[in-house]
Amino acid sequence: MAHSLNTRQIHLWRIAIYFFFALPGFSTATWISRTPTIRDALGASTNEMGWIIFGLATGSIIGLLGASHFIARFGGRFVMVSGLAIGSIGLIVVGLGGSWLAQGVMVFFGLAIFGFGNGICDVAMNVEGTEVEHAAKKSLLTGFSRRL
């Protein structure tokens, strides 16, 4: 990205990155707040829930490891938007598997999809945050990660 942006463009880019830092946190909070309800709907034991939640970790690690390849090929902005869309699809699968269909395997795969989307989005938003820092010529990443 060329750094010949004016102050207004840098400011708008910075606001967009703040937005992208907040969305994965909100989506994760959505899942976490529904965990007991999903556990009850599935009739899952603590051990079974551990395995189901392992899907989130698996998807996240795969996303984190593969993100650099996607960013190199498609760019950070595209990967951020795609990651949020993939994460949203994962949450829909979790919702269907945890309520209407009551399928633990479906919740596992939904969490894996959700984790993958969040993983690639996390790396891409940090790459974009670094680009904003370079364009603004000041440190901004610590402010991006503050909780709202």
Protein backbone atom coordinates (compact mmCIF):
# COMPACT_ATOMS: atom_id res chain seq x y z
CA MET A 1 0.00 0.00 0.00
CA ALA A 2 1.34 3.40 -0.90
CA HIS A 3 1.69 5.72 2.08
CA SER A 4 0.69 8.83 0.15
CA LEU A 5 -2.65 9.05 1.91
CA ASN A 6 -4.00 12.29 3.28
CA THR A 7 -4.85 12.75 6.96
CA ARG A 8 -8.56 12.13 6.44
CA GLN A 9 -7.95 8.83 4.61
CA ILE A 10 -5.60 7.65 7.36
CA HIS A 11 -8.18 8.63 10.00
CA LEU A 12 -10.97 6.68 8.22
CA TRP A 13 -8.67 3.67 7.77
CA ARG A 14 -7.85 3.83 11.49
CA ILE A 15 -11.56 3.90 12.43
CA ALA A 16 -12.19 0.88 10.19
CA ILE A 17 -9.40 -1.05 11.90
CA TYR A 18 -10.86 -0.19 15.34
CA PHE A 19 -14.17 -1.60 14.09
CA PHE A 20 -12.49 -4.80 12.93
CA PHE A 21 -10.72 -5.21 16.27
CA ALA A 22 -14.08 -4.99 18.08
CA LEU A 23 -16.15 -7.39 15.97
CA PRO A 24 -14.29 -10.66 16.73
CA GLY A 25 -14.52 -9.84 20.43
CA PHE A 26 -18.26 -9.31 20.20
CA SER A 27 -18.73 -12.51 18.21
CA THR A 28 -16.68 -14.51 20.72
CA ALA A 29 -18.72 -13.05 23.57
CA THR A 30 -21.85 -14.16 21.72
CA TRP A 31 -20.64 -17.76 21.67
CA ILE A 32 -19.36 -17.76 25.24
CA SER A 33 -22.60 -16.36 26.64
CA ARG A 34 -24.57 -19.14 24.95
CA THR A 35 -22.28 -22.03 26.01
CA PRO A 36 -24.39 -23.21 29.00
CA THR A 37 -27.59 -23.13 26.92
CA ILE A 38 -25.95 -25.09 24.11
CA ARG A 39 -24.53 -27.58 26.62
CA ASP A 40 -27.99 -28.11 28.08
CA ALA A 41 -29.61 -28.44 24.64
CA LEU A 42 -27.04 -31.06 23.65
CA GLY A 43 -27.22 -32.83 27.00
CA ALA A 44 -23.42 -32.85 26.90
CA SER A 45 -21.18 -33.71 29.82
CA THR A 46 -18.24 -31.54 30.83
CA ASN A 47 -15.93 -33.94 28.99
CA GLU A 48 -18.03 -33.78 25.82
CA MET A 49 -18.15 -29.99 25.96
CA GLY A 50 -14.37 -29.97 26.26
CA TRP A 51 -14.13 -31.86 22.99
CA ILE A 52 -16.74 -29.66 21.34
CA ILE A 53 -14.89 -26.50 22.39
CA PHE A 54 -11.67 -28.08 21.08
CA GLY A 55 -13.15 -27.34 17.63
CA LEU A 56 -12.70 -23.62 18.31
CA ALA A 57 -9.03 -24.10 19.20
CA THR A 58 -8.42 -26.31 16.17
CA GLY A 59 -9.99 -23.85 13.75
CA SER A 60 -8.17 -20.91 15.33
CA ILE A 61 -4.77 -22.55 15.04
CA ILE A 62 -5.36 -23.52 11.42
CA GLY A 63 -6.50 -19.96 10.67
CA LEU A 64 -3.52 -18.40 12.42
CA LEU A 65 -1.09 -20.67 10.58
CA GLY A 66 -2.67 -20.14 7.17
CA ALA A 67 -3.41 -16.43 7.42
CA SER A 68 -0.06 -15.26 6.05
CA HIS A 69 -0.63 -17.21 2.83
CA PHE A 70 -4.10 -15.73 2.37
CA ILE A 71 -2.86 -12.20 3.13
CA ALA A 72 0.04 -12.54 0.67
CA ARG A 73 -2.34 -13.69 -2.04
CA PHE A 74 -5.46 -11.59 -1.42
CA GLY A 75 -4.40 -8.69 0.82
CA GLY A 76 -5.19 -7.83 4.42
CA ARG A 77 -8.46 -6.03 3.86
CA PHE A 78 -10.00 -8.87 1.88
CA VAL A 79 -8.85 -11.42 4.46
CA MET A 80 -10.30 -9.36 7.33
CA VAL A 81 -13.71 -9.14 5.67
CA SER A 82 -13.59 -12.80 4.63
CA GLY A 83 -12.56 -13.86 8.13
CA LEU A 84 -15.53 -12.06 9.66
CA ALA A 85 -17.87 -13.60 7.08
CA ILE A 86 -16.46 -17.09 7.70
CA GLY A 87 -16.72 -16.57 11.45
CA SER A 88 -20.35 -15.51 11.05
CA ILE A 89 -21.11 -18.65 9.07
CA GLY A 90 -19.48 -20.66 11.85
CA LEU A 91 -21.72 -19.01 14.45
CA ILE A 92 -24.77 -19.84 12.35
CA VAL A 93 -23.67 -23.49 12.19
CA VAL A 94 -23.10 -23.46 15.98
CA GLY A 95 -26.58 -22.01 16.49
CA LEU A 96 -28.21 -24.61 14.27
CA GLY A 97 -26.25 -27.47 15.79
CA GLY A 98 -26.83 -26.29 19.33
CA SER A 99 -30.53 -25.56 19.14
CA TRP A 100 -32.58 -26.85 16.22
CA LEU A 101 -30.63 -30.01 15.43
CA ALA A 102 -28.94 -30.66 18.80
CA GLN A 103 -25.86 -32.20 17.18
CA GLY A 104 -22.56 -31.97 19.09
CA VAL A 105 -20.55 -32.78 15.96
CA MET A 106 -22.20 -29.90 14.13
CA VAL A 107 -21.37 -27.52 16.98
CA PHE A 108 -17.75 -28.79 16.89
CA PHE A 109 -17.46 -28.05 13.16
CA GLY A 110 -19.27 -24.73 13.55
CA LEU A 111 -16.77 -23.70 16.22
CA ALA A 112 -13.91 -24.85 13.98
CA ILE A 113 -15.24 -22.64 11.16
CA PHE A 114 -15.76 -19.78 13.61
CA GLY A 115 -12.22 -20.21 15.00
CA PHE A 116 -10.73 -20.31 11.50
CA GLY A 117 -12.50 -17.09 10.52
CA ASN A 118 -11.41 -15.34 13.71
CA GLY A 119 -7.85 -16.64 13.31
CA ILE A 120 -7.35 -15.27 9.81
CA CYS A 121 -9.12 -12.03 10.72
CA ASP A 122 -6.89 -11.58 13.78
CA VAL A 123 -3.68 -11.80 11.77
CA ALA A 124 -5.02 -9.62 8.96
CA MET A 125 -6.23 -6.87 11.28
CA ASN A 126 -2.80 -6.73 12.91
CA VAL A 127 -1.16 -6.50 9.48
CA GLU A 128 -3.54 -3.70 8.52
CA GLY A 129 -3.00 -2.01 11.89
CA THR A 130 0.72 -2.02 11.22
CA GLU A 131 0.11 -0.46 7.82
CA VAL A 132 -1.96 2.29 9.44
CA GLU A 133 0.91 2.91 11.86
CA HIS A 134 3.35 3.28 8.98
CA ALA A 135 1.02 5.62 7.12
CA ALA A 136 0.31 7.72 10.23
CA LYS A 137 3.98 7.59 11.29
CA LYS A 138 3.06 6.89 14.93
CA SER A 139 2.31 3.95 17.19
CA LEU A 140 -1.36 2.96 17.14
CA LEU A 141 -1.61 -0.82 17.66
CA THR A 142 -1.73 -0.61 21.44
CA GLY A 143 -4.82 1.57 21.12
CA PHE A 144 -6.47 -0.85 18.73
CA SER A 145 -6.39 -3.70 21.21
CA ARG A 146 -7.96 -1.79 24.13
CA ARG A 147 -11.28 -3.17 25.22
CA LEU A 148 -14.34 -1.06 24.53
